Protein backbone atom coordinates (compact mmCIF):
# COMPACT_ATOMS: atom_id res chain seq x y z
CA UNK A 1 -54.59 -39.85 -111.81
CA UNK A 2 -55.29 -36.31 -110.18
CA UNK A 3 -57.63 -34.13 -112.01
CA UNK A 4 -56.18 -31.62 -114.49
CA UNK A 5 -52.34 -32.55 -114.14
CA UNK A 6 -50.84 -35.33 -116.12
CA UNK A 7 -48.30 -37.80 -114.61
CA UNK A 8 -44.66 -36.78 -115.54
CA UNK A 9 -42.29 -39.90 -115.24
CA UNK A 10 -38.78 -39.41 -114.20
CA UNK A 11 -39.30 -36.43 -112.07
CA UNK A 12 -36.39 -35.19 -110.01
CA UNK A 13 -36.73 -35.11 -106.21
CA UNK A 14 -37.09 -31.29 -106.38
CA UNK A 15 -39.84 -31.49 -108.98
CA UNK A 16 -41.61 -34.26 -106.96
CA UNK A 17 -41.66 -32.22 -103.91
CA UNK A 18 -42.92 -29.16 -105.76
CA UNK A 19 -45.66 -31.29 -107.49
CA UNK A 20 -46.79 -32.92 -104.36
CA UNK A 21 -46.94 -29.56 -102.62
CA UNK A 22 -49.28 -28.16 -105.22
CA UNK A 23 -51.40 -31.40 -105.18
CA UNK A 24 -51.74 -31.03 -101.32
CA UNK A 25 -52.81 -27.30 -101.63
CA UNK A 26 -55.20 -28.05 -104.46
CA UNK A 27 -56.74 -30.78 -102.29
CA UNK A 28 -57.38 -28.43 -99.42
CA UNK A 29 -59.44 -26.28 -101.89
CA UNK A 30 -61.27 -29.37 -103.10
CA UNK A 31 -61.98 -30.23 -99.32
CA UNK A 32 -63.35 -26.70 -98.81
CA UNK A 33 -65.58 -27.23 -101.78
CA UNK A 34 -66.78 -30.67 -100.50
CA UNK A 35 -65.27 -32.36 -103.62
CA UNK A 36 -63.69 -35.22 -101.47
CA UNK A 37 -63.10 -37.80 -104.17
CA UNK A 38 -61.01 -35.19 -106.11
CA UNK A 39 -59.17 -34.34 -102.85
CA UNK A 40 -58.43 -38.02 -102.15
CA UNK A 41 -57.16 -38.45 -105.80
CA UNK A 42 -54.76 -35.50 -105.33
CA UNK A 43 -53.47 -36.63 -102.02
CA UNK A 44 -53.05 -40.10 -103.21
CA UNK A 45 -50.63 -38.98 -105.92
CA UNK A 46 -48.94 -36.51 -103.51
CA UNK A 47 -48.43 -39.26 -101.11
CA UNK A 48 -46.94 -41.51 -103.86
CA UNK A 49 -44.51 -38.68 -104.61
CA UNK A 50 -43.65 -37.64 -100.98
CA UNK A 51 -44.70 -40.47 -98.66
CA UNK A 52 -43.51 -38.80 -95.48
CA UNK A 53 -45.76 -35.74 -95.58
CA UNK A 54 -47.97 -35.94 -92.40
CA UNK A 55 -50.12 -33.22 -93.86
CA UNK A 56 -51.13 -35.20 -96.95
CA UNK A 57 -51.99 -38.19 -94.89
CA UNK A 58 -53.95 -36.14 -92.42
CA UNK A 59 -55.95 -34.29 -95.13
CA UNK A 60 -56.78 -37.62 -96.95
CA UNK A 61 -57.93 -39.03 -93.69
CA UNK A 62 -60.15 -36.10 -93.15
CA UNK A 63 -61.71 -36.52 -96.68
CA UNK A 64 -62.26 -40.23 -95.99
CA UNK A 65 -63.85 -39.36 -92.66
CA UNK A 66 -66.21 -36.77 -94.05
CA UNK A 67 -67.50 -39.25 -96.62
CA UNK A 68 -67.72 -42.03 -93.97
CA UNK A 69 -64.96 -44.20 -95.20
CA UNK A 70 -63.96 -44.74 -91.59
CA UNK A 71 -61.48 -47.66 -91.86
CA UNK A 72 -59.61 -45.72 -94.53
CA UNK A 73 -59.63 -42.62 -92.60
CA UNK A 74 -58.22 -44.47 -89.37
CA UNK A 75 -55.25 -45.92 -91.56
CA UNK A 76 -54.48 -42.35 -92.84
CA UNK A 77 -54.64 -40.69 -89.41
CA UNK A 78 -52.54 -43.51 -87.91
CA UNK A 79 -49.90 -42.80 -90.46
CA UNK A 80 -50.18 -39.05 -90.08
CA UNK A 81 -49.61 -39.58 -86.30
CA UNK A 82 -46.72 -41.84 -86.82
CA UNK A 83 -45.06 -39.08 -88.75
CA UNK A 84 -46.25 -36.33 -86.46
CA UNK A 85 -47.19 -37.68 -83.07
CA UNK A 86 -48.16 -34.28 -81.57
CA UNK A 87 -50.74 -33.24 -84.20
CA UNK A 88 -53.77 -32.04 -82.37
CA UNK A 89 -55.71 -31.89 -85.59
CA UNK A 90 -54.79 -35.55 -86.57
CA UNK A 91 -55.85 -36.60 -83.02
CA UNK A 92 -59.00 -34.72 -82.98
CA UNK A 93 -59.98 -35.94 -86.43
CA UNK A 94 -59.12 -39.53 -85.50
CA UNK A 95 -61.23 -39.22 -82.32
CA UNK A 96 -64.13 -37.96 -84.50
CA UNK A 97 -63.69 -41.09 -86.61
CA UNK A 98 -63.63 -43.32 -83.52
CA UNK A 99 -66.74 -41.64 -82.33
CA UNK A 100 -68.59 -42.22 -85.59
CA UNK A 101 -67.70 -45.89 -85.40
CA UNK A 102 -69.07 -45.95 -81.82
CA UNK A 103 -65.60 -46.58 -80.36
CA UNK A 104 -66.08 -44.06 -77.88
CA UNK A 105 -63.39 -44.89 -75.37
CA UNK A 106 -60.78 -44.69 -78.11
CA UNK A 107 -62.43 -41.32 -79.28
CA UNK A 108 -62.07 -39.99 -75.69
CA UNK A 109 -58.41 -40.99 -75.51
CA UNK A 110 -57.65 -39.10 -78.60
CA UNK A 111 -59.65 -36.02 -77.60
CA UNK A 112 -57.83 -35.87 -74.19
CA UNK A 113 -54.46 -36.16 -75.84
CA UNK A 114 -55.34 -33.45 -78.47
CA UNK A 115 -56.47 -31.06 -75.73
CA UNK A 116 -53.23 -31.53 -73.84
CA UNK A 117 -51.60 -30.12 -77.10
CA UNK A 118 -54.34 -27.48 -78.02
CA UNK A 119 -56.40 -26.99 -74.88
CA UNK A 120 -58.48 -24.10 -76.33
CA UNK A 121 -59.35 -25.85 -79.65
CA UNK A 122 -63.21 -25.35 -79.85
CA UNK A 123 -63.97 -27.98 -82.34
CA UNK A 124 -62.18 -30.49 -80.43
CA UNK A 125 -63.79 -29.48 -77.27
CA UNK A 126 -67.20 -29.77 -79.17
CA UNK A 127 -66.32 -33.20 -80.31
CA UNK A 128 -65.35 -34.25 -76.83
CA UNK A 129 -68.71 -32.88 -75.38
CA UNK A 130 -70.63 -34.89 -78.06
CA UNK A 131 -68.67 -38.14 -77.13
CA UNK A 132 -69.42 -37.47 -73.56
CA UNK A 133 -73.11 -37.18 -74.37
CA UNK A 134 -73.02 -40.46 -76.26
CA UNK A 135 -71.35 -42.04 -73.16
CA UNK A 136 -74.20 -40.52 -71.05
CA UNK A 137 -71.63 -38.49 -68.89
CA UNK A 138 -73.82 -35.27 -69.16
CA UNK A 139 -72.37 -33.56 -66.15
CA UNK A 140 -68.98 -33.65 -67.81
CA UNK A 141 -70.31 -32.58 -71.19
CA UNK A 142 -72.02 -29.54 -69.48
CA UNK A 143 -68.55 -28.63 -68.11
CA UNK A 144 -66.97 -28.84 -71.44
CA UNK A 145 -69.68 -26.79 -73.06
CA UNK A 146 -69.29 -24.17 -70.21
CA UNK A 147 -65.54 -24.03 -71.19
CA UNK A 148 -66.46 -23.48 -74.91
CA UNK A 149 -68.82 -20.73 -74.01
CA UNK A 150 -66.17 -19.08 -71.76
CA UNK A 151 -63.73 -19.07 -74.75
CA UNK A 152 -66.09 -17.44 -77.17
CA UNK A 153 -69.64 -16.25 -76.08
CA UNK A 154 -70.41 -15.24 -79.64
CA UNK A 155 -71.05 -18.83 -81.03
CA UNK A 156 -74.85 -19.47 -80.96
CA UNK A 157 -74.36 -23.17 -81.66
CA UNK A 158 -72.37 -23.55 -78.28
CA UNK A 159 -75.29 -21.94 -76.34
CA UNK A 160 -77.83 -24.24 -78.09
CA UNK A 161 -75.62 -27.26 -77.51
CA UNK A 162 -75.60 -26.60 -73.78
CA UNK A 163 -79.23 -25.69 -73.86
CA UNK A 164 -79.97 -29.01 -75.35
CA UNK A 165 -78.17 -30.73 -72.61
CA UNK A 166 -79.98 -28.89 -69.98
CA UNK A 167 -83.34 -29.70 -71.69
CA UNK A 168 -82.40 -33.30 -71.85
CA UNK A 169 -81.88 -33.09 -67.94
CA UNK A 170 -85.29 -31.47 -67.65
CA UNK A 171 -83.58 -28.22 -66.45
CA UNK A 172 -85.84 -26.02 -68.52
CA UNK A 173 -85.12 -22.69 -67.02
CA UNK A 174 -81.33 -23.08 -67.72
CA UNK A 175 -82.10 -24.35 -71.21
CA UNK A 176 -84.44 -21.32 -71.95
CA UNK A 177 -81.63 -19.00 -70.71
CA UNK A 178 -79.07 -20.67 -73.04
CA UNK A 179 -81.34 -20.53 -76.03
CA UNK A 180 -82.14 -16.88 -75.40
CA UNK A 181 -78.41 -16.16 -75.36
CA UNK A 182 -78.09 -17.92 -78.80
CA UNK A 183 -80.93 -15.81 -80.12
CA UNK A 184 -79.16 -12.58 -78.69
CA UNK A 185 -76.28 -13.39 -81.05
CA UNK A 186 -78.42 -14.56 -83.98
CA UNK A 187 -82.19 -13.68 -83.66
CA UNK A 188 -82.96 -15.96 -86.65
CA UNK A 189 -81.41 -19.15 -85.48
CA UNK A 190 -84.05 -21.58 -86.19
CA UNK A 191 -82.83 -24.37 -83.99
CA UNK A 192 -82.63 -22.02 -80.97
CA UNK A 193 -86.11 -20.82 -81.74
CA UNK A 194 -87.47 -24.42 -82.13
CA UNK A 195 -85.65 -25.57 -79.01
CA UNK A 196 -86.75 -22.76 -76.82
CA UNK A 197 -90.25 -23.19 -78.10
CA UNK A 198 -90.16 -26.81 -76.80
CA UNK A 199 -88.76 -25.77 -73.41
CA UNK A 200 -91.29 -23.09 -73.12
CA UNK A 201 -93.88 -25.61 -73.88
CA UNK A 202 -92.56 -27.96 -71.18
CA UNK A 203 -92.95 -25.12 -68.57
CA UNK A 204 -96.58 -24.40 -69.65
CA UNK A 205 -95.66 -21.05 -71.22
CA UNK A 206 -97.75 -21.71 -74.26
CA UNK A 207 -98.17 -18.34 -75.76
CA UNK A 208 -94.49 -17.65 -75.72
CA UNK A 209 -93.86 -21.22 -77.06
CA UNK A 210 -96.29 -20.53 -79.85
CA UNK A 211 -94.44 -17.35 -80.85
CA UNK A 212 -91.04 -19.16 -81.02
CA UNK A 213 -92.24 -22.16 -82.79
CA UNK A 214 -94.31 -19.98 -85.37
CA UNK A 215 -91.12 -17.95 -86.13
CA UNK A 216 -89.19 -21.15 -86.46
CA UNK A 217 -91.68 -22.52 -88.98
CA UNK A 218 -91.77 -19.17 -90.82
CA UNK A 219 -87.92 -19.32 -91.28
CA UNK A 220 -87.83 -23.02 -92.14
CA UNK A 221 -91.11 -24.44 -93.52
CA UNK A 222 -89.50 -27.95 -93.61
CA UNK A 223 -88.78 -28.12 -89.84
CA UNK A 224 -90.75 -31.20 -88.79
CA UNK A 225 -89.87 -30.79 -85.19
CA UNK A 226 -91.11 -27.23 -84.85
CA UNK A 227 -94.40 -28.27 -86.52
CA UNK A 228 -94.67 -31.11 -84.02
CA UNK A 229 -94.10 -29.00 -80.97
CA UNK A 230 -96.42 -26.30 -82.23
CA UNK A 231 -99.06 -28.83 -82.75
CA UNK A 232 -98.74 -29.92 -79.13
CA UNK A 233 -98.90 -26.26 -78.11
CA UNK A 234 -101.95 -25.53 -80.07
CA UNK A 235 -103.67 -28.50 -78.50
CA UNK A 236 -102.89 -27.17 -74.98
CA UNK A 237 -104.54 -23.94 -76.21
CA UNK A 238 -107.66 -25.75 -77.31
CA UNK A 239 -107.09 -25.28 -80.92
CA UNK A 240 -107.15 -28.94 -81.84
CA UNK A 241 -107.97 -28.55 -85.56
CA UNK A 242 -104.88 -26.30 -86.07
CA UNK A 243 -102.89 -28.76 -83.88
CA UNK A 244 -103.92 -31.59 -86.14
CA UNK A 245 -102.86 -29.43 -89.32
CA UNK A 246 -99.42 -29.06 -87.83
CA UNK A 247 -98.95 -32.62 -86.84
CA UNK A 248 -100.19 -33.77 -90.22
CA UNK A 249 -97.46 -31.60 -91.71
CA UNK A 250 -94.79 -32.83 -89.15
CA UNK A 251 -95.68 -36.49 -90.14
CA UNK A 252 -95.75 -35.63 -93.80
CA UNK A 253 -92.10 -34.28 -93.49
CA UNK A 254 -90.89 -37.17 -91.30
CA UNK A 255 -93.14 -40.30 -91.71
CA UNK A 256 -91.17 -42.01 -88.78
CA UNK A 257 -91.80 -39.11 -86.34
CA UNK A 258 -93.00 -41.37 -83.45
CA UNK A 259 -93.76 -38.43 -80.99
CA UNK A 260 -96.02 -36.85 -83.52
CA UNK A 261 -97.91 -40.00 -84.06
CA UNK A 262 -98.48 -40.31 -80.36
CA UNK A 263 -99.56 -36.64 -79.75
CA UNK A 264 -101.87 -36.78 -82.84
CA UNK A 265 -103.44 -40.03 -81.45
CA UNK A 266 -104.15 -38.28 -78.26
CA UNK A 267 -105.85 -35.45 -79.89
CA UNK A 268 -107.84 -37.72 -82.10
CA UNK A 269 -108.81 -39.61 -79.05
CA UNK A 270 -109.87 -36.41 -77.23
CA UNK A 271 -112.05 -35.69 -80.31
CA UNK A 272 -113.58 -39.15 -80.09
CA UNK A 273 -111.99 -40.16 -83.35
CA UNK A 274 -110.91 -43.47 -82.00
CA UNK A 275 -110.33 -45.52 -85.25
CA UNK A 276 -107.80 -42.86 -86.31
CA UNK A 277 -106.35 -42.72 -82.76
CA UNK A 278 -105.92 -46.43 -82.82
CA UNK A 279 -104.12 -46.08 -86.15
CA UNK A 280 -101.71 -43.58 -84.79
CA UNK A 281 -100.92 -45.34 -81.69
CA UNK A 282 -100.26 -48.60 -83.62
CA UNK A 283 -98.06 -46.78 -85.85
CA UNK A 284 -96.07 -45.33 -82.83
CA UNK A 285 -95.76 -48.77 -81.43
CA UNK A 286 -94.54 -50.22 -84.61
CA UNK A 287 -91.96 -47.54 -85.21
CA UNK A 288 -90.53 -47.69 -81.56
CA UNK A 289 -90.92 -51.23 -80.70
CA UNK A 290 -91.48 -53.18 -84.02
CA UNK A 291 -95.00 -54.24 -82.86
């Protein structure tokens, strides 16, 4: 039974339509509040009252997707699309569900169809780019991110997403440019600072990297990756004890941070602390390969 409204047997068709409409609207607010179980309860009753509402099926599918009930989400999106075959929203959301289930070919088919209906939908373009990355089709993913940026240059996330792809391909200058664009929009964007700091480290621009990573840690003291990268930078600058402090903190925040164990092991080795180095390398091997 939906929260706050009692069932009323014997509703007329008009009353049933009205009740279902209010339930759907309340469910949208529940979704905005991340109260997905309450939304699902409202939408389930709404569907029982008016089974041919594509919107209700779509909304319930979205709630199921967000709380990772993927099979239920697919069933809801399938019904929503049976009722409304040209719903770009339902297609995009079903594509996201397929992607979460690692059914990437089906996800791509849905994204492509959705984009024929809504070619400038940023969230569907982003979902498609993510799927292309998972398929290791990085050139195509870069093209999609380029389109997203062309549609709206004021979204720092889009610059960072493309920068991450450049960095993954070892195109550090291009990555740094994109992270810089993101920071022009939002100077306190922690991910952009952290990722630019790492790209600067990879190009031996250690002082600049240190500034970015220190700012990232200042803004987000729980950022294990920024601590790890800063530890590596400090080591390159000859500040091994400070580097160890950062790497210790990174590992404290993420005890399965393989790269941090490897870097810390190398610093300990350099300091002739070989027993500790062996321990770190052994932990890295166990985490990565199960040794």
